[in-house]
Protein backbone atom coordinates (compact mmCIF):
# COMPACT_ATOMS: atom_id res chain seq x y z
CA UNK A 1 -0.03 0.04 0.33
CA UNK A 2 2.05 3.17 -1.04
CA UNK A 3 1.34 6.44 -1.22
CA UNK A 4 1.08 8.23 -4.70
CA UNK A 5 3.30 11.02 -3.63
CA UNK A 6 6.72 10.81 -2.94
CA UNK A 7 7.62 13.38 -0.10
CA UNK A 8 7.49 10.87 2.29
CA UNK A 9 10.53 9.84 4.38
CA UNK A 10 11.36 6.35 2.14
CA UNK A 11 12.52 4.55 5.72
CA UNK A 12 9.17 4.42 6.86
CA UNK A 13 8.44 0.95 6.33
CA UNK A 14 4.25 1.07 5.31
CA UNK A 15 2.67 -2.38 5.38
CA UNK A 16 -0.47 -3.05 4.16
CA UNK A 17 -1.90 -4.18 7.13
CA UNK A 18 -0.49 -3.83 11.13
CA UNK A 19 -1.97 -6.40 13.73
CA UNK A 20 -4.10 -8.02 11.45
CA UNK A 21 -6.14 -4.89 10.28
CA UNK A 22 -6.17 -2.81 6.91
CA UNK A 23 -5.21 0.87 6.96
CA UNK A 24 -8.74 1.05 6.18
CA UNK A 25 -10.34 -0.62 8.76
CA UNK A 26 -8.31 1.70 11.63
CA UNK A 27 -9.69 4.74 9.77
CA UNK A 28 -13.00 3.53 9.35
CA UNK A 29 -13.44 2.05 12.43
CA UNK A 30 -12.06 5.73 14.42
CA UNK A 31 -14.98 6.87 12.69
CA UNK A 32 -17.92 4.99 13.10
CA UNK A 33 -16.86 4.89 16.94
CA UNK A 34 -17.85 8.74 17.11
CA UNK A 35 -13.97 10.07 16.32
CA UNK A 36 -13.39 13.47 14.87
CA UNK A 37 -9.40 11.90 12.91
CA UNK A 38 -7.77 13.91 9.80
CA UNK A 39 -4.25 13.23 8.19
CA UNK A 40 -0.89 14.11 9.28
CA UNK A 41 2.15 13.56 6.92
CA UNK A 42 3.64 9.79 7.43
CA UNK A 43 7.56 11.83 7.56
CA UNK A 44 7.01 13.90 10.20
CA UNK A 45 4.18 15.85 12.33
CA UNK A 46 2.94 18.18 9.23
CA UNK A 47 -0.54 18.46 9.28
CA UNK A 48 -2.27 17.47 5.14
CA UNK A 49 -5.70 20.05 5.91
CA UNK A 50 -5.74 23.34 6.31
CA UNK A 51 -7.09 23.48 9.45
CA UNK A 52 -7.28 20.44 11.21
CA UNK A 53 -9.50 22.39 14.77
CA UNK A 54 -12.47 22.33 12.23
CA UNK A 55 -12.41 18.11 13.40
CA UNK A 56 -13.07 19.89 16.94
CA UNK A 57 -16.19 20.69 15.94
CA UNK A 58 -17.42 18.15 13.61
CA UNK A 59 -16.56 14.99 11.42
CA UNK A 60 -14.76 14.21 8.72
CA UNK A 61 -17.00 13.32 5.78
CA UNK A 62 -16.88 9.93 4.35
CA UNK A 63 -16.02 11.43 0.59
CA UNK A 64 -13.41 13.36 2.40
CA UNK A 65 -11.75 10.67 4.02
CA UNK A 66 -12.00 8.59 0.97
CA UNK A 67 -10.18 11.79 -0.84
CA UNK A 68 -7.38 11.05 1.88
CA UNK A 69 -7.36 7.77 1.22
CA UNK A 70 -7.07 8.44 -2.77
CA UNK A 71 -4.20 11.20 -2.74
CA UNK A 72 -2.03 9.99 0.40
CA UNK A 73 -2.69 5.87 0.70
CA UNK A 74 -1.30 6.21 3.86
CA UNK A 75 -1.03 8.48 6.86
CA UNK A 76 -0.36 9.38 10.38
CA UNK A 77 -3.92 9.88 11.91
CA UNK A 78 -4.80 12.49 14.27
CA UNK A 79 -7.56 12.95 16.56
CA UNK A 80 -8.90 16.09 17.36
CA UNK A 81 -9.74 16.10 21.42
CA UNK A 82 -13.21 17.14 22.66
CA UNK A 83 -15.65 18.39 20.50
CA UNK A 84 -17.64 16.01 18.73
CA UNK A 85 -14.86 13.23 19.75
CA UNK A 86 -16.26 13.80 23.50
CA UNK A 87 -12.28 12.64 23.86
CA UNK A 88 -9.38 13.16 26.21
CA UNK A 89 -5.75 11.88 26.75
CA UNK A 90 -3.92 10.71 29.76
CA UNK A 91 -0.03 11.30 28.99
CA UNK A 92 2.85 10.04 30.66
CA UNK A 93 6.39 10.61 30.41
CA UNK A 94 7.41 7.42 31.06
CA UNK A 95 6.22 3.69 30.95
CA UNK A 96 7.39 3.56 34.38
CA UNK A 97 4.93 6.52 35.30
CA UNK A 98 1.98 5.40 33.00
CA UNK A 99 2.23 1.62 35.10
CA UNK A 100 2.58 2.98 38.42
CA UNK A 101 -0.50 5.31 37.85
CA UNK A 102 -2.41 2.13 36.32
CA UNK A 103 -1.39 -0.36 39.28
CA UNK A 104 -2.24 2.97 41.72
CA UNK A 105 -6.00 2.25 40.66
CA UNK A 106 -8.51 -0.43 41.92
CA UNK A 107 -9.57 -3.30 39.60
CA UNK A 108 -13.32 -1.80 38.68
CA UNK A 109 -11.36 1.02 37.09
CA UNK A 110 -8.73 -0.71 35.30
CA UNK A 111 -11.04 -2.59 33.67
CA UNK A 112 -13.25 0.40 32.89
CA UNK A 113 -10.18 1.98 31.79
CA UNK A 114 -8.99 -0.41 29.39
CA UNK A 115 -12.72 -2.10 28.11
CA UNK A 116 -14.04 1.65 27.20
CA UNK A 117 -11.04 3.14 26.37
CA UNK A 118 -8.01 2.80 23.77
CA UNK A 119 -4.66 1.90 24.95
CA UNK A 120 -1.67 2.79 22.91
CA UNK A 121 1.40 1.71 22.73
CA UNK A 122 4.19 3.70 21.62
CA UNK A 123 7.37 1.58 20.08
CA UNK A 124 10.93 2.18 19.43
CA UNK A 125 11.78 -0.92 17.32
CA UNK A 126 10.63 -3.64 19.01
CA UNK A 127 10.52 -2.01 22.58
CA UNK A 128 8.33 -0.47 24.03
CA UNK A 129 8.81 3.16 24.94
CA UNK A 130 5.77 4.27 26.65
CA UNK A 131 1.63 3.97 26.64
CA UNK A 132 -1.03 6.53 26.76
CA UNK A 133 -4.78 6.29 27.25
CA UNK A 134 -7.60 7.49 24.90
CA UNK A 135 -10.83 8.01 26.39
CA UNK A 136 -14.36 9.10 25.63
CA UNK A 137 -16.67 10.60 27.94
CA UNK A 138 -20.53 10.50 27.91
CA UNK A 139 -20.55 13.73 30.13
CA UNK A 140 -18.79 16.59 27.95
CA UNK A 141 -18.20 18.85 31.11
CA UNK A 142 -15.70 16.20 32.04
CA UNK A 143 -13.32 16.80 28.83
CA UNK A 144 -10.76 19.80 30.10
CA UNK A 145 -9.83 22.13 27.31
CA UNK A 146 -6.18 22.64 26.67
CA UNK A 147 -3.60 20.67 28.50
CA UNK A 148 -3.69 20.50 32.05
CA UNK A 149 -0.44 19.97 33.61
CA UNK A 150 0.71 18.21 36.42
CA UNK A 151 4.00 16.97 38.24
CA UNK A 152 6.92 15.42 36.34
CA UNK A 153 5.35 15.73 32.80
CA UNK A 154 1.86 14.25 33.54
CA UNK A 155 -1.00 15.72 31.12
CA UNK A 156 -4.43 15.45 30.44
CA UNK A 157 -5.07 16.33 26.88
CA UNK A 158 -8.43 18.02 25.84
CA UNK A 159 -10.46 20.38 23.48
CA UNK A 160 -7.80 22.26 21.36
CA UNK A 161 -5.86 19.55 21.02
CA UNK A 162 -4.58 16.57 19.46
CA UNK A 163 -2.98 13.20 19.28
CA UNK A 164 -1.61 9.87 17.47
CA UNK A 165 -3.63 6.92 16.75
CA UNK A 166 -2.50 3.69 15.65
CA UNK A 167 -1.04 2.90 13.34
CA UNK A 168 0.80 5.86 13.18
CA UNK A 169 4.32 6.03 12.55
CA UNK A 170 7.39 8.73 13.41
CA UNK A 171 10.49 8.12 12.32
CA UNK A 172 11.86 5.23 14.59
CA UNK A 173 8.59 5.37 16.84
CA UNK A 174 5.23 3.24 15.67
CA UNK A 175 1.88 3.60 17.39
CA UNK A 176 -0.08 0.55 17.50
CA UNK A 177 -2.89 -0.34 20.07
CA UNK A 178 -2.82 -2.44 22.97
CA UNK A 179 -5.02 -5.23 22.19
CA UNK A 180 -5.97 -5.25 18.41
CA UNK A 181 -8.24 -8.62 18.94
CA UNK A 182 -9.99 -7.32 21.47
CA UNK A 183 -13.35 -9.37 21.62
CA UNK A 184 -12.69 -10.69 18.19
CA UNK A 185 -13.98 -7.56 15.97
CA UNK A 186 -11.58 -6.26 13.68
CA UNK A 187 -11.63 -3.04 14.24
CA UNK A 188 -10.36 -0.44 16.89
CA UNK A 189 -12.47 -0.30 19.77
CA UNK A 190 -13.61 2.46 21.92
CA UNK A 191 -17.21 3.61 23.50
CA UNK A 192 -17.96 6.63 25.67
CA UNK A 193 -17.04 5.96 29.54
CA UNK A 194 -20.10 6.84 31.56
CA UNK A 195 -19.62 9.83 34.13
CA UNK A 196 -19.33 7.99 37.45
CA UNK A 197 -16.55 6.13 36.60
CA UNK A 198 -14.89 8.36 34.84
CA UNK A 199 -14.70 10.89 37.64
CA UNK A 200 -13.06 8.50 40.02
CA UNK A 201 -10.62 7.70 37.41
CA UNK A 202 -9.36 10.98 36.65
CA UNK A 203 -10.12 11.72 40.50
CA UNK A 204 -7.25 9.47 41.38
CA UNK A 205 -4.90 12.03 39.51
CA UNK A 206 -5.49 14.42 42.35
CA UNK A 207 -5.83 12.19 45.47
CA UNK A 208 -2.07 10.25 44.24
CA UNK A 209 -0.39 14.09 43.90
CA UNK A 210 0.00 13.90 40.30
CA UNK A 211 -2.22 17.02 39.87
């Protein structure tokens, strides 16, 4: 699956499938899940649309998605947080920070996090470098505006920010789903998290002194 343009980094190995999913299955899976996505150049972080912020307030039409696939074939997938996606991302500076926070959650909170949200693995070659969590909220007011900065580089990203979704790749860094075969459904799986469990998950940051 080679892109038509010749501007991408030739060192990036683009495969027609990643973890058994076609690239288009990722793209339309995110769209079906109510996420508002946009294309980013696979050789870097150059956004391939005039103003990505328009996708905070609207999802791309199928005609737009089709045009992106026709022109680029493969692109890094940006997710516009907040807005119509009602999405937020929980970011940590290191894998150790992410693991420490996850282990501090009770079992129900851990299950809610991985059952409703996306856990994104950031790989450096074949080594796990970091993970971050992308959640949808049933309650729009729980999605922050901008970036909420915590201690030691922890952040919660909300409306006005974006993150990369799998199977994006920046140089030697690749972005992959933690559980690509969850529920044996061949598409990315994310679902809005109800207010009460999301409030409790976000509340753990203050309790643990992260924010």
